[in-house]
Amino acid sequence: MHDETPLPDFARQGINLASPRLGSHGLSASDEFFAPLCRLLHDDPPRYIAGKYDDNGKWMDGWETRRKRGPGHDHCLVRLGVSGVIHGVDIDTSHFTGNFPAAASLEASLVTGPPDDGTEWHEIVQATPLAGNAHHYVGVDDPRPFNCLRLNIYPDGGVARLRVYGQPVPSWDGQDAGSRHELSALANGGRVVAVSDDHYGGTWRILTPGRGINSGDGWETRRRREPGNDWIIIALGAIGTIEEVEVDTAHYKGNYPDACSLQAARSEGGTDRSLVAQSLFWPEVLAPQKLRMDHVHKFAEAELKADGPVSHVKLNIHPDGGVSRFRVFGRLTA
């Protein structure tokens, strides 16, 4: 059976910076004879398919190298879709039992182009012993942002998934005050502060690019059996004035919210916990609006009562349900 290691805080609260949703992808690998590097970053949990083989051997859902018969060790390079501060990683060997590496380490760098022989690497995870068919959660204590990783495995073998949990760090350098941006986007520093309920998980997915791929690709609450409504608080990547809001219920058909409303405020102090209490009194910038199933709802300035720059927004859904994507567009404040 798969190991039942509890999730550490960095995995529960962080964003998987290595997700292809953010544009992350494998650059190269010393070897990928049994399984290609691209599978290492897949968002879905690794699978095991009994009896499935390809021309090189047993089909495995991950990255797997051939048995090394000489000196050295295998490695791969991954380019993150966004630069970010890394709080921890999960080196997952699910379903690799007799073919997992004995150990692994992780190095990181911040590069403007492809990494080369002159790239400066920083070890953020020292060589760590691995077990078969298990998660290996390792915290990282380094405040610098990185966008390129080198995973070293000793000496060879297979890794099912690499998750890199952290927070994107956008660069607003050179951006004119007053320019329009998707202020809530993960790539621009938007993040989920708190949520009333995330029974079906994936809250951060509502801030990712594109439309949802299915009804599991978004934020969905349990069925509410008490008075009130569900909500999610988003910290914008930069302070700005709101010009447009988008609520997308893609693939949510029998479980989309009946309506939504929006509150917003400028709050530059306090903790995430204190913001939850503060949000009870934030001004309403969008009155309750009826929603439709599987539809992109756009609310422009004529429907918004935004008054000045804001740093946080609170999306209320009435009474519960699923939202695939949520976007806040606005102009930067000097």
C-alpha atoms as a PDB file:
ATOM      1  CA  MET A   1       0.000   0.000   0.000  1.00  0.00           C
ATOM      2  CA  HIS A   2       1.045   3.586  -0.630  1.00  0.00           C
ATOM      3  CA  ASP A   3       2.580   5.342   2.332  1.00  0.00           C
ATOM      4  CA  GLU A   4       0.298   7.605   4.370  1.00  0.00           C
ATOM      5  CA  THR A   5       2.744  10.348   5.341  1.00  0.00           C
ATOM      6  CA  PRO A   6       0.773  13.390   6.608  1.00  0.00           C
ATOM      7  CA  LEU A   7       1.138  16.588   4.590  1.00  0.00           C
ATOM      8  CA  PRO A   8       3.461  19.185   6.138  1.00  0.00           C
ATOM      9  CA  ASP A   9       2.333  22.812   6.239  1.00  0.00           C
ATOM     10  CA  PHE A  10       4.408  23.792   3.203  1.00  0.00           C
ATOM     11  CA  ALA A  11       2.625  21.180   1.081  1.00  0.00           C
ATOM     12  CA  ARG A  12      -0.857  22.052   2.344  1.00  0.00           C
ATOM     13  CA  GLN A  13      -0.418  25.803   1.999  1.00  0.00           C
ATOM     14  CA  GLY A  14       2.097  26.170  -0.827  1.00  0.00           C
ATOM     15  CA  ILE A  15       1.697  26.166  -4.574  1.00  0.00           C
ATOM     16  CA  ASN A  16       3.341  23.464  -6.665  1.00  0.00           C
ATOM     17  CA  LEU A  17       5.761  25.630  -8.629  1.00  0.00           C
ATOM     18  CA  ALA A  18       6.736  22.599 -10.735  1.00  0.00           C
ATOM     19  CA  SER A  19       3.201  22.189 -12.092  1.00  0.00           C
ATOM     20  CA  PRO A  20       2.847  22.258 -15.899  1.00  0.00           C
ATOM     21  CA  ARG A  21      -0.198  24.502 -15.264  1.00  0.00           C
ATOM     22  CA  LEU A  22       2.298  27.266 -14.518  1.00  0.00           C
ATOM     23  CA  GLY A  23       4.422  26.468 -17.569  1.00  0.00           C
ATOM     24  CA  SER A  24       6.976  24.273 -15.790  1.00  0.00           C
ATOM     25  CA  HIS A  25       8.649  21.640 -17.953  1.00  0.00           C
ATOM     26  CA  GLY A  26      11.587  19.275 -18.115  1.00  0.00           C
ATOM     27  CA  LEU A  27      14.652  20.547 -19.970  1.00  0.00           C
ATOM     28  CA  SER A  28      16.920  17.508 -20.155  1.00  0.00           C
ATOM     29  CA  ALA A  29      17.936  14.311 -18.402  1.00  0.00           C
ATOM     30  CA  SER A  30      21.118  12.296 -18.273  1.00  0.00           C
ATOM     31  CA  ASP A  31      19.012   9.262 -19.183  1.00  0.00           C
ATOM     32  CA  GLU A  32      15.312   8.456 -19.585  1.00  0.00           C
ATOM     33  CA  PHE A  33      15.471   4.970 -21.034  1.00  0.00           C
ATOM     34  CA  PHE A  34      12.580   3.412 -19.117  1.00  0.00           C
ATOM     35  CA  ALA A  35      10.320   6.449 -18.557  1.00  0.00           C
ATOM     36  CA  PRO A  36      10.497  10.029 -19.895  1.00  0.00           C
ATOM     37  CA  LEU A  37      11.239  13.102 -17.837  1.00  0.00           C
ATOM     38  CA  CYS A  38       7.937  14.775 -18.756  1.00  0.00           C
ATOM     39  CA  ARG A  39       5.975  12.354 -16.520  1.00  0.00           C
ATOM     40  CA  LEU A  40       7.898  13.532 -13.447  1.00  0.00           C
ATOM     41  CA  LEU A  41       5.904  16.793 -13.343  1.00  0.00           C
ATOM     42  CA  HIS A  42       2.396  15.553 -14.168  1.00  0.00           C
ATOM     43  CA  ASP A  43      -0.272  17.053 -11.907  1.00  0.00           C
ATOM     44  CA  ASP A  44      -2.274  13.862 -11.520  1.00  0.00           C
ATOM     45  CA  PRO A  45      -1.237  11.238  -8.957  1.00  0.00           C
ATOM     46  CA  PRO A  46       1.072   8.535 -10.327  1.00  0.00           C
ATOM     47  CA  ARG A  47      -0.603   5.358 -11.564  1.00  0.00           C
ATOM     48  CA  TYR A  48       0.440   1.726 -11.685  1.00  0.00           C
ATOM     49  CA  ILE A  49      -0.956  -0.340 -14.566  1.00  0.00           C
ATOM     50  CA  ALA A  50      -0.364  -4.043 -14.055  1.00  0.00           C
ATOM     51  CA  GLY A  51       0.714  -5.874 -17.164  1.00  0.00           C
ATOM     52  CA  LYS A  52       1.522  -2.748 -19.178  1.00  0.00           C
ATOM     53  CA  TYR A  53       4.892  -2.895 -20.952  1.00  0.00           C
ATOM     54  CA  ASP A  54       6.572  -0.979 -23.759  1.00  0.00           C
ATOM     55  CA  ASP A  55       9.575  -1.761 -25.954  1.00  0.00           C
ATOM     56  CA  ASN A  56      12.044  -1.064 -23.129  1.00  0.00           C
ATOM     57  CA  GLY A  57      10.325  -2.845 -20.259  1.00  0.00           C
ATOM     58  CA  LYS A  58       7.646  -2.221 -17.640  1.00  0.00           C
ATOM     59  CA  TRP A  59       5.678   1.004 -18.200  1.00  0.00           C
ATOM     60  CA  MET A  60       6.142   3.299 -15.203  1.00  0.00           C
ATOM     61  CA  ASP A  61       4.429   6.591 -14.438  1.00  0.00           C
ATOM     62  CA  GLY A  62       7.388   8.824 -13.690  1.00  0.00           C
ATOM     63  CA  TRP A  63      10.989   9.374 -14.772  1.00  0.00           C
ATOM     64  CA  GLU A  64      13.209   6.276 -14.786  1.00  0.00           C
ATOM     65  CA  THR A  65      16.766   5.752 -15.965  1.00  0.00           C
ATOM     66  CA  ARG A  66      18.509   2.536 -16.966  1.00  0.00           C
ATOM     67  CA  ARG A  67      20.750   0.656 -14.531  1.00  0.00           C
ATOM     68  CA  LYS A  68      24.037   2.569 -14.330  1.00  0.00           C
ATOM     69  CA  ARG A  69      27.108   0.413 -14.981  1.00  0.00           C
ATOM     70  CA  GLY A  70      29.748   3.141 -14.630  1.00  0.00           C
ATOM     71  CA  PRO A  71      30.748   5.941 -12.253  1.00  0.00           C
ATOM     72  CA  GLY A  72      28.611   8.977 -11.531  1.00  0.00           C
ATOM     73  CA  HIS A  73      24.877   9.470 -11.062  1.00  0.00           C
ATOM     74  CA  ASP A  74      21.833  10.470 -13.063  1.00  0.00           C
ATOM     75  CA  HIS A  75      20.181  13.893 -12.992  1.00  0.00           C
ATOM     76  CA  CYS A  76      17.554  15.985 -14.735  1.00  0.00           C
ATOM     77  CA  LEU A  77      16.918  19.700 -15.269  1.00  0.00           C
ATOM     78  CA  VAL A  78      13.525  21.342 -14.733  1.00  0.00           C
ATOM     79  CA  ARG A  79      12.561  24.891 -15.661  1.00  0.00           C
ATOM     80  CA  LEU A  80       9.855  26.380 -13.454  1.00  0.00           C
ATOM     81  CA  GLY A  81       7.151  28.368 -15.187  1.00  0.00           C
ATOM     82  CA  VAL A  82       7.476  31.158 -12.619  1.00  0.00           C
ATOM     83  CA  SER A  83      10.255  32.304 -10.328  1.00  0.00           C
ATOM     84  CA  GLY A  84       9.454  31.586  -6.712  1.00  0.00           C
ATOM     85  CA  VAL A  85      10.667  31.073  -3.169  1.00  0.00           C
ATOM     86  CA  ILE A  86      10.718  27.334  -2.396  1.00  0.00           C
ATOM     87  CA  HIS A  87       9.461  26.259   1.026  1.00  0.00           C
ATOM     88  CA  GLY A  88       9.676  22.496   0.568  1.00  0.00           C
ATOM     89  CA  VAL A  89       9.607  19.592  -1.874  1.00  0.00           C
ATOM     90  CA  ASP A  90       8.138  16.128  -2.217  1.00  0.00           C
ATOM     91  CA  ILE A  91      10.259  13.506  -3.958  1.00  0.00           C
ATOM     92  CA  ASP A  92       7.634  10.839  -4.593  1.00  0.00           C
ATOM     93  CA  THR A  93       8.646   7.257  -5.440  1.00  0.00           C
ATOM     94  CA  SER A  94       5.088   5.891  -5.669  1.00  0.00           C
ATOM     95  CA  HIS A  95       5.019   2.414  -7.305  1.00  0.00           C
ATOM     96  CA  PHE A  96       8.812   2.297  -7.608  1.00  0.00           C
ATOM     97  CA  THR A  97       9.736  -0.579  -5.295  1.00  0.00           C
ATOM     98  CA  GLY A  98      12.835  -2.379  -6.580  1.00  0.00           C
ATOM     99  CA  ASN A  99      13.934   0.411  -8.894  1.00  0.00           C
ATOM    100  CA  PHE A 100      13.949   3.628  -6.818  1.00  0.00           C
ATOM    101  CA  PRO A 101      17.174   5.643  -6.242  1.00  0.00           C
ATOM    102  CA  ALA A 102      19.074   5.122  -3.010  1.00  0.00           C
ATOM    103  CA  ALA A 103      19.143   8.893  -2.438  1.00  0.00           C
ATOM    104  CA  ALA A 104      18.409  12.238  -4.089  1.00  0.00           C
ATOM    105  CA  SER A 105      19.452  15.871  -3.775  1.00  0.00           C
ATOM    106  CA  LEU A 106      18.120  19.076  -5.312  1.00  0.00           C
ATOM    107  CA  GLU A 107      19.941  22.159  -6.567  1.00  0.00           C
ATOM    108  CA  ALA A 108      18.387  25.438  -7.716  1.00  0.00           C
ATOM    109  CA  SER A 109      19.353  28.506  -9.698  1.00  0.00           C
ATOM    110  CA  LEU A 110      17.894  31.749 -11.047  1.00  0.00           C
ATOM    111  CA  VAL A 111      18.656  32.064 -14.740  1.00  0.00           C
ATOM    112  CA  THR A 112      17.536  34.318 -17.577  1.00  0.00           C
ATOM    113  CA  GLY A 113      18.214  31.804 -20.343  1.00  0.00           C
ATOM    114  CA  PRO A 114      18.900  28.072 -20.548  1.00  0.00           C
ATOM    115  CA  PRO A 115      21.284  26.773 -17.844  1.00  0.00           C
ATOM    116  CA  ASP A 116      24.832  26.125 -19.047  1.00  0.00           C
ATOM    117  CA  ASP A 117      28.288  25.269 -17.742  1.00  0.00           C
ATOM    118  CA  GLY A 118      28.503  28.701 -16.116  1.00  0.00           C
ATOM    119  CA  THR A 119      25.231  28.393 -14.185  1.00  0.00           C
ATOM    120  CA  GLU A 120      25.631  28.854 -10.432  1.00  0.00           C
ATOM    121  CA  TRP A 121      23.757  26.129  -8.545  1.00  0.00           C
ATOM    122  CA  HIS A 122      22.723  26.254  -4.887  1.00  0.00           C
ATOM    123  CA  GLU A 123      22.003  23.050  -2.991  1.00  0.00           C
ATOM    124  CA  ILE A 124      18.593  23.431  -1.341  1.00  0.00           C
ATOM    125  CA  VAL A 125      18.080  19.751  -0.445  1.00  0.00           C
ATOM    126  CA  GLN A 126      21.098  17.751   0.656  1.00  0.00           C
ATOM    127  CA  ALA A 127      21.459  14.118  -0.387  1.00  0.00           C
ATOM    128  CA  THR A 128      18.497  12.431   1.284  1.00  0.00           C
ATOM    129  CA  PRO A 129      17.951   8.659   1.577  1.00  0.00           C
ATOM    130  CA  LEU A 130      14.877   7.439  -0.297  1.00  0.00           C
ATOM    131  CA  ALA A 131      12.488   4.556   0.290  1.00  0.00           C
ATOM    132  CA  GLY A 132      10.356   2.752  -2.242  1.00  0.00           C
ATOM    133  CA  ASN A 133       6.718   3.659  -2.885  1.00  0.00           C
ATOM    134  CA  ALA A 134       6.815   6.639  -0.527  1.00  0.00           C
ATOM    135  CA  HIS A 135       6.578  10.421  -0.282  1.00  0.00           C
ATOM    136  CA  HIS A 136       9.704  12.234   0.911  1.00  0.00           C
ATOM    137  CA  TYR A 137       8.795  15.689   2.206  1.00  0.00           C
ATOM    138  CA  VAL A 138      11.792  17.924   2.813  1.00  0.00           C
ATOM    139  CA  GLY A 139      11.571  21.540   3.991  1.00  0.00           C
ATOM    140  CA  VAL A 140      13.702  24.238   2.360  1.00  0.00           C
ATOM    141  CA  ASP A 141      15.018  27.269   4.218  1.00  0.00           C
ATOM    142  CA  ASP A 142      16.263  29.673   1.546  1.00  0.00           C
ATOM    143  CA  PRO A 143      14.653  33.087   0.945  1.00  0.00           C
ATOM    144  CA  ARG A 144      16.014  33.501  -2.590  1.00  0.00           C
ATOM    145  CA  PRO A 145      13.754  33.039  -5.627  1.00  0.00           C
ATOM    146  CA  PHE A 146      14.690  30.337  -8.142  1.00  0.00           C
ATOM    147  CA  ASN A 147      13.379  29.262 -11.537  1.00  0.00           C
ATOM    148  CA  CYS A 148      15.551  26.301 -12.506  1.00  0.00           C
ATOM    149  CA  LEU A 149      16.172  22.993 -10.695  1.00  0.00           C
ATOM    150  CA  ARG A 150      18.584  20.081 -10.975  1.00  0.00           C
ATOM    151  CA  LEU A 151      17.389  16.836  -9.390  1.00  0.00           C
ATOM    152  CA  ASN A 152      20.227  14.419  -8.717  1.00  0.00           C
ATOM    153  CA  ILE A 153      19.478  10.736  -8.092  1.00  0.00           C
ATOM    154  CA  TYR A 154      22.090   8.355  -6.702  1.00  0.00           C
ATOM    155  CA  PRO A 155      23.056   6.401  -8.642  1.00  0.00           C
ATOM    156  CA  ASP A 156      20.048   5.721 -10.913  1.00  0.00           C
ATOM    157  CA  GLY A 157      16.415   4.602 -10.805  1.00  0.00           C
ATOM    158  CA  GLY A 158      12.918   6.011 -10.930  1.00  0.00           C
ATOM    159  CA  VAL A 159      11.024   8.897  -9.339  1.00  0.00           C
ATOM    160  CA  ALA A 160       7.278   9.151  -9.882  1.00  0.00           C
ATOM    161  CA  ARG A 161       6.690  12.836  -9.155  1.00  0.00           C
ATOM    162  CA  LEU A 162       8.588  15.937  -8.067  1.00  0.00           C
ATOM    163  CA  ARG A 163       6.477  18.556  -6.293  1.00  0.00           C
ATOM    164  CA  VAL A 164       8.084  21.900  -5.455  1.00  0.00           C
ATOM    165  CA  TYR A 165       6.000  23.897  -2.989  1.00  0.00           C
ATOM    166  CA  GLY A 166       6.435  27.628  -2.568  1.00  0.00           C
ATOM    167  CA  GLN A 167       5.211  31.056  -3.571  1.00  0.00           C
ATOM    168  CA  PRO A 168       5.713  32.776  -6.946  1.00  0.00           C
ATOM    169  CA  VAL A 169       7.704  36.003  -6.833  1.00  0.00           C
ATOM    170  CA  PRO A 170       6.719  38.322  -9.692  1.00  0.00           C
ATOM    171  CA  SER A 171       8.862  41.138 -10.984  1.00  0.00           C
ATOM    172  CA  TRP A 172       7.055  44.429 -11.464  1.00  0.00           C
ATOM    173  CA  ASP A 173      10.280  46.171 -12.491  1.00  0.00           C
ATOM    174  CA  GLY A 174       9.743  48.309 -15.552  1.00  0.00           C
ATOM    175  CA  GLN A 175       5.955  48.169 -15.236  1.00  0.00           C
ATOM    176  CA  ASP A 176       4.351  51.586 -15.424  1.00  0.00           C
ATOM    177  CA  ALA A 177       2.014  52.613 -12.666  1.00  0.00           C
ATOM    178  CA  GLY A 178      -1.455  52.475 -14.160  1.00  0.00           C
ATOM    179  CA  SER A 179      -0.760  49.544 -16.515  1.00  0.00           C
ATOM    180  CA  ARG A 180      -3.388  46.785 -16.588  1.00  0.00           C
ATOM    181  CA  HIS A 181      -2.650  43.275 -15.326  1.00  0.00           C
ATOM    182  CA  GLU A 182      -4.311  40.121 -14.053  1.00  0.00           C
ATOM    183  CA  LEU A 183      -3.582  41.056 -10.452  1.00  0.00           C
ATOM    184  CA  SER A 184      -4.861  37.761  -9.026  1.00  0.00           C
ATOM    185  CA  ALA A 185      -2.775  35.439 -11.244  1.00  0.00           C
ATOM    186  CA  LEU A 186      -0.392  33.061  -9.498  1.00  0.00           C
ATOM    187  CA  ALA A 187       2.372  34.098 -11.875  1.00  0.00           C
ATOM    188  CA  ASN A 188       1.852  37.686 -10.751  1.00  0.00           C
ATOM    189  CA  GLY A 189       2.035  36.823  -7.051  1.00  0.00           C
ATOM    190  CA  GLY A 190      -1.649  36.215  -6.333  1.00  0.00           C
ATOM    191  CA  ARG A 191      -2.308  33.663  -3.611  1.00  0.00           C
ATOM    192  CA  VAL A 192      -5.098  32.096  -1.600  1.00  0.00           C
ATOM    193  CA  VAL A 193      -5.103  33.485   1.948  1.00  0.00           C
ATOM    194  CA  ALA A 194      -8.007  31.539   3.430  1.00  0.00           C
ATOM    195  CA  VAL A 195     -11.086  29.597   2.417  1.00  0.00           C
ATOM    196  CA  SER A 196     -14.277  28.614   4.209  1.00  0.00           C
ATOM    197  CA  ASP A 197     -14.187  25.073   2.861  1.00  0.00           C
ATOM    198  CA  ASP A 198     -11.975  23.183   0.407  1.00  0.00           C
ATOM    199  CA  HIS A 199     -13.381  19.690   0.768  1.00  0.00           C
ATOM    200  CA  TYR A 200     -12.490  18.807  -2.819  1.00  0.00           C
ATOM    201  CA  GLY A 201      -9.136  20.627  -2.661  1.00  0.00           C
ATOM    202  CA  GLY A 202      -7.204  22.498  -5.312  1.00  0.00           C
ATOM    203  CA  THR A 203      -8.025  26.049  -4.216  1.00  0.00           C
ATOM    204  CA  TRP A 204      -4.903  27.492  -5.861  1.00  0.00           C
ATOM    205  CA  ARG A 205      -6.002  26.100  -9.206  1.00  0.00           C
ATOM    206  CA  ILE A 206      -8.599  28.849  -9.599  1.00  0.00           C
ATOM    207  CA  LEU A 207      -5.726  31.312 -10.116  1.00  0.00           C
ATOM    208  CA  THR A 208      -3.972  29.320 -12.867  1.00  0.00           C
ATOM    209  CA  PRO A 209      -3.988  30.122 -16.612  1.00  0.00           C
ATOM    210  CA  GLY A 210      -6.533  28.767 -19.079  1.00  0.00           C
ATOM    211  CA  ARG A 211      -9.902  27.169 -18.469  1.00  0.00           C
ATOM    212  CA  GLY A 212     -10.423  24.129 -16.269  1.00  0.00           C
ATOM    213  CA  ILE A 213      -9.901  20.745 -17.886  1.00  0.00           C
ATOM    214  CA  ASN A 214     -12.665  19.019 -15.872  1.00  0.00           C
ATOM    215  CA  SER A 215     -14.807  19.518 -12.772  1.00  0.00           C
ATOM    216  CA  GLY A 216     -11.905  18.430 -10.575  1.00  0.00           C
ATOM    217  CA  ASP A 217      -9.774  21.303 -11.832  1.00  0.00           C
ATOM    218  CA  GLY A 218     -11.000  24.121  -9.608  1.00  0.00           C
ATOM    219  CA  TRP A 219     -12.252  25.023  -6.149  1.00  0.00           C
ATOM    220  CA  GLU A 220     -15.318  23.107  -4.957  1.00  0.00           C
ATOM    221  CA  THR A 221     -16.847  23.052  -1.487  1.00  0.00           C
ATOM    222  CA  ARG A 222     -18.883  20.345   0.192  1.00  0.00           C
ATOM    223  CA  ARG A 223     -22.671  20.722   0.176  1.00  0.00           C
ATOM    224  CA  ARG A 224     -23.540  23.350   2.788  1.00  0.00           C
ATOM    225  CA  ARG A 225     -26.077  22.117   5.355  1.00  0.00           C
ATOM    226  CA  GLU A 226     -26.133  25.217   7.563  1.00  0.00           C
ATOM    227  CA  PRO A 227     -26.996  28.906   7.042  1.00  0.00           C
ATOM    228  CA  GLY A 228     -24.536  31.242   5.346  1.00  0.00           C
ATOM    229  CA  ASN A 229     -22.307  30.925   2.321  1.00  0.00           C
ATOM    230  CA  ASP A 230     -18.832  29.808   1.313  1.00  0.00           C
ATOM    231  CA  TRP A 231     -15.971  32.172   0.442  1.00  0.00           C
ATOM    232  CA  ILE A 232     -12.333  32.447  -0.558  1.00  0.00           C
ATOM    233  CA  ILE A 233      -9.913  35.315   0.175  1.00  0.00           C
ATOM    234  CA  ILE A 234      -7.234  36.182  -2.387  1.00  0.00           C
ATOM    235  CA  ALA A 235      -4.183  38.382  -1.849  1.00  0.00           C
ATOM    236  CA  LEU A 236      -3.454  40.212  -5.092  1.00  0.00           C
ATOM    237  CA  GLY A 237       0.066  40.183  -6.451  1.00  0.00           C
ATOM    238  CA  ALA A 238       0.176  43.979  -6.339  1.00  0.00           C
ATOM    239  CA  ILE A 239      -2.019  46.791  -5.084  1.00  0.00           C
ATOM    240  CA  GLY A 240      -4.285  48.090  -7.813  1.00  0.00           C
ATOM    241  CA  THR A 241      -7.689  49.371  -8.832  1.00  0.00           C
ATOM    242  CA  ILE A 242     -10.156  46.742 -10.040  1.00  0.00           C
ATOM    243  CA  GLU A 243     -11.566  47.120 -13.541  1.00  0.00           C
ATOM    244  CA  GLU A 244     -12.903  43.664 -14.353  1.00  0.00           C
ATOM    245  CA  VAL A 245     -13.676  40.403 -12.578  1.00  0.00           C
ATOM    246  CA  GLU A 246     -14.103  36.985 -14.169  1.00  0.00           C
ATOM    247  CA  VAL A 247     -15.804  33.976 -12.559  1.00  0.00           C
ATOM    248  CA  ASP A 248     -15.624  30.806 -14.631  1.00  0.00           C
ATOM    249  CA  THR A 249     -17.792  27.783 -13.772  1.00  0.00           C
ATOM    250  CA  ALA A 250     -16.305  25.563 -16.515  1.00  0.00           C
ATOM    251  CA  HIS A 251     -17.478  21.929 -16.148  1.00  0.00           C
ATOM    252  CA  TYR A 252     -19.535  22.710 -13.034  1.00  0.00           C
ATOM    253  CA  LYS A 253     -23.089  21.875 -14.053  1.00  0.00           C
ATOM    254  CA  GLY A 254     -25.104  20.374 -11.207  1.00  0.00           C
ATOM    255  CA  ASN A 255     -22.806  21.860  -8.611  1.00  0.00           C
ATOM    256  CA  TYR A 256     -22.108  25.478  -9.592  1.00  0.00           C
ATOM    257  CA  PRO A 257     -22.957  28.271  -7.106  1.00  0.00           C
ATOM    258  CA  ASP A 258     -26.341  29.926  -7.433  1.00  0.00           C
ATOM    259  CA  ALA A 259     -24.761  33.377  -7.168  1.00  0.00           C
ATOM    260  CA  CYS A 260     -21.557  35.212  -6.288  1.00  0.00           C
ATOM    261  CA  SER A 261     -20.552  38.542  -4.785  1.00  0.00           C
ATOM    262  CA  LEU A 262     -17.238  40.283  -4.139  1.00  0.00           C
ATOM    263  CA  GLN A 263     -15.715  42.305  -1.330  1.00  0.00           C
ATOM    264  CA  ALA A 264     -12.348  44.074  -1.428  1.00  0.00           C
ATOM    265  CA  ALA A 265     -10.073  46.193   0.732  1.00  0.00           C
ATOM    266  CA  ARG A 266      -6.552  47.524   1.090  1.00  0.00           C
ATOM    267  CA  SER A 267      -4.844  45.786   3.968  1.00  0.00           C
ATOM    268  CA  GLU A 268      -1.066  45.948   4.355  1.00  0.00           C
ATOM    269  CA  GLY A 269      -0.764  44.727   7.934  1.00  0.00           C
ATOM    270  CA  GLY A 270      -1.822  41.795  10.065  1.00  0.00           C
ATOM    271  CA  THR A 271      -1.696  38.070   9.509  1.00  0.00           C
ATOM    272  CA  ASP A 272      -3.668  35.768   7.236  1.00  0.00           C
ATOM    273  CA  ARG A 273      -5.733  34.750  10.260  1.00  0.00           C
ATOM    274  CA  SER A 274      -6.576  38.369  11.108  1.00  0.00           C
ATOM    275  CA  LEU A 275      -7.595  39.033   7.494  1.00  0.00           C
ATOM    276  CA  VAL A 276     -10.412  36.511   7.851  1.00  0.00           C
ATOM    277  CA  ALA A 277     -11.940  38.583  10.658  1.00  0.00           C
ATOM    278  CA  GLN A 278     -11.292  41.860   8.834  1.00  0.00           C
ATOM    279  CA  SER A 279     -12.981  40.583   5.685  1.00  0.00           C
ATOM    280  CA  LEU A 280     -16.338  40.447   7.466  1.00  0.00           C
ATOM    281  CA  PHE A 281     -16.405  44.236   7.227  1.00  0.00           C
ATOM    282  CA  TRP A 282     -14.854  44.808   3.803  1.00  0.00           C
ATOM    283  CA  PRO A 283     -16.925  46.915   1.384  1.00  0.00           C
ATOM    284  CA  GLU A 284     -18.954  45.110  -1.241  1.00  0.00           C
ATOM    285  CA  VAL A 285     -17.667  45.883  -4.735  1.00  0.00           C
ATOM    286  CA  LEU A 286     -19.945  43.477  -6.611  1.00  0.00           C
ATOM    287  CA  ALA A 287     -23.506  42.865  -5.475  1.00  0.00           C
ATOM    288  CA  PRO A 288     -24.796  39.274  -5.676  1.00  0.00           C
ATOM    289  CA  GLN A 289     -24.946  38.114  -9.300  1.00  0.00           C
ATOM    290  CA  LYS A 290     -26.708  35.009 -10.596  1.00  0.00           C
ATOM    291  CA  LEU A 291     -24.378  32.426 -12.096  1.00  0.00           C
ATOM    292  CA  ARG A 292     -24.820  29.876 -14.863  1.00  0.00           C
ATOM    293  CA  MET A 293     -23.370  26.419 -15.250  1.00  0.00           C
ATOM    294  CA  ASP A 294     -20.231  25.888 -17.352  1.00  0.00           C
ATOM    295  CA  HIS A 295     -19.943  29.580 -18.219  1.00  0.00           C
ATOM    296  CA  VAL A 296     -17.444  32.468 -18.127  1.00  0.00           C
ATOM    297  CA  HIS A 297     -19.038  35.378 -16.230  1.00  0.00           C
ATOM    298  CA  LYS A 298     -17.404  38.771 -16.798  1.00  0.00           C
ATOM    299  CA  PHE A 299     -18.230  41.747 -14.618  1.00  0.00           C
ATOM    300  CA  ALA A 300     -16.954  45.096 -15.877  1.00  0.00           C
ATOM    301  CA  GLU A 301     -16.586  48.536 -14.304  1.00  0.00           C
ATOM    302  CA  ALA A 302     -20.274  49.339 -14.798  1.00  0.00           C
ATOM    303  CA  GLU A 303     -21.190  46.540 -12.360  1.00  0.00           C
ATOM    304  CA  LEU A 304     -18.341  47.121  -9.917  1.00  0.00           C
ATOM    305  CA  LYS A 305     -18.381  49.585  -7.051  1.00  0.00           C
ATOM    306  CA  ALA A 306     -14.615  49.661  -6.558  1.00  0.00           C
ATOM    307  CA  ASP A 307     -13.446  52.707  -4.635  1.00  0.00           C
ATOM    308  CA  GLY A 308      -9.687  53.151  -4.763  1.00  0.00           C
ATOM    309  CA  PRO A 309      -6.771  50.706  -4.723  1.00  0.00           C
ATOM    310  CA  VAL A 310      -7.117  47.308  -2.995  1.00  0.00           C
ATOM    311  CA  SER A 311      -4.732  44.549  -1.965  1.00  0.00           C
ATOM    312  CA  HIS A 312      -7.194  41.717  -1.167  1.00  0.00           C
ATOM    313  CA  VAL A 313     -10.507  40.439  -2.483  1.00  0.00           C
ATOM    314  CA  LYS A 314     -13.067  38.037  -1.051  1.00  0.00           C
ATOM    315  CA  LEU A 315     -15.164  36.002  -3.461  1.00  0.00           C
ATOM    316  CA  ASN A 316     -18.423  34.884  -1.853  1.00  0.00           C
ATOM    317  CA  ILE A 317     -20.359  32.036  -3.429  1.00  0.00           C
ATOM    318  CA  HIS A 318     -24.004  31.545  -2.457  1.00  0.00           C
ATOM    319  CA  PRO A 319     -24.536  29.129  -0.896  1.00  0.00           C
ATOM    320  CA  ASP A 320     -21.797  26.687  -2.032  1.00  0.00           C
ATOM    321  CA  GLY A 321     -20.479  24.873  -5.103  1.00  0.00           C
ATOM    322  CA  GLY A 322     -17.580  24.924  -7.550  1.00  0.00           C
ATOM    323  CA  VAL A 323     -15.636  27.641  -9.351  1.00  0.00           C
ATOM    324  CA  SER A 324     -13.079  26.683 -11.974  1.00  0.00           C
ATOM    325  CA  ARG A 325     -11.216  29.986 -12.419  1.00  0.00           C
ATOM    326  CA  PHE A 326     -11.315  33.416 -10.776  1.00  0.00           C
ATOM    327  CA  ARG A 327      -9.543  36.451 -12.204  1.00  0.00           C
ATOM    328  CA  VAL A 328      -9.206  40.066 -11.100  1.00  0.00           C
ATOM    329  CA  PHE A 329      -7.977  42.538 -13.693  1.00  0.00           C
ATOM    330  CA  GLY A 330      -6.873  46.017 -12.747  1.00  0.00           C
ATOM    331  CA  ARG A 331      -4.295  48.754 -12.941  1.00  0.00           C
ATOM    332  CA  LEU A 332      -1.194  48.992 -10.808  1.00  0.00           C
ATOM    333  CA  THR A 333      -1.034  51.645  -8.143  1.00  0.00           C
ATOM    334  CA  ALA A 334       2.164  53.660  -7.917  1.00  0.00           C
END
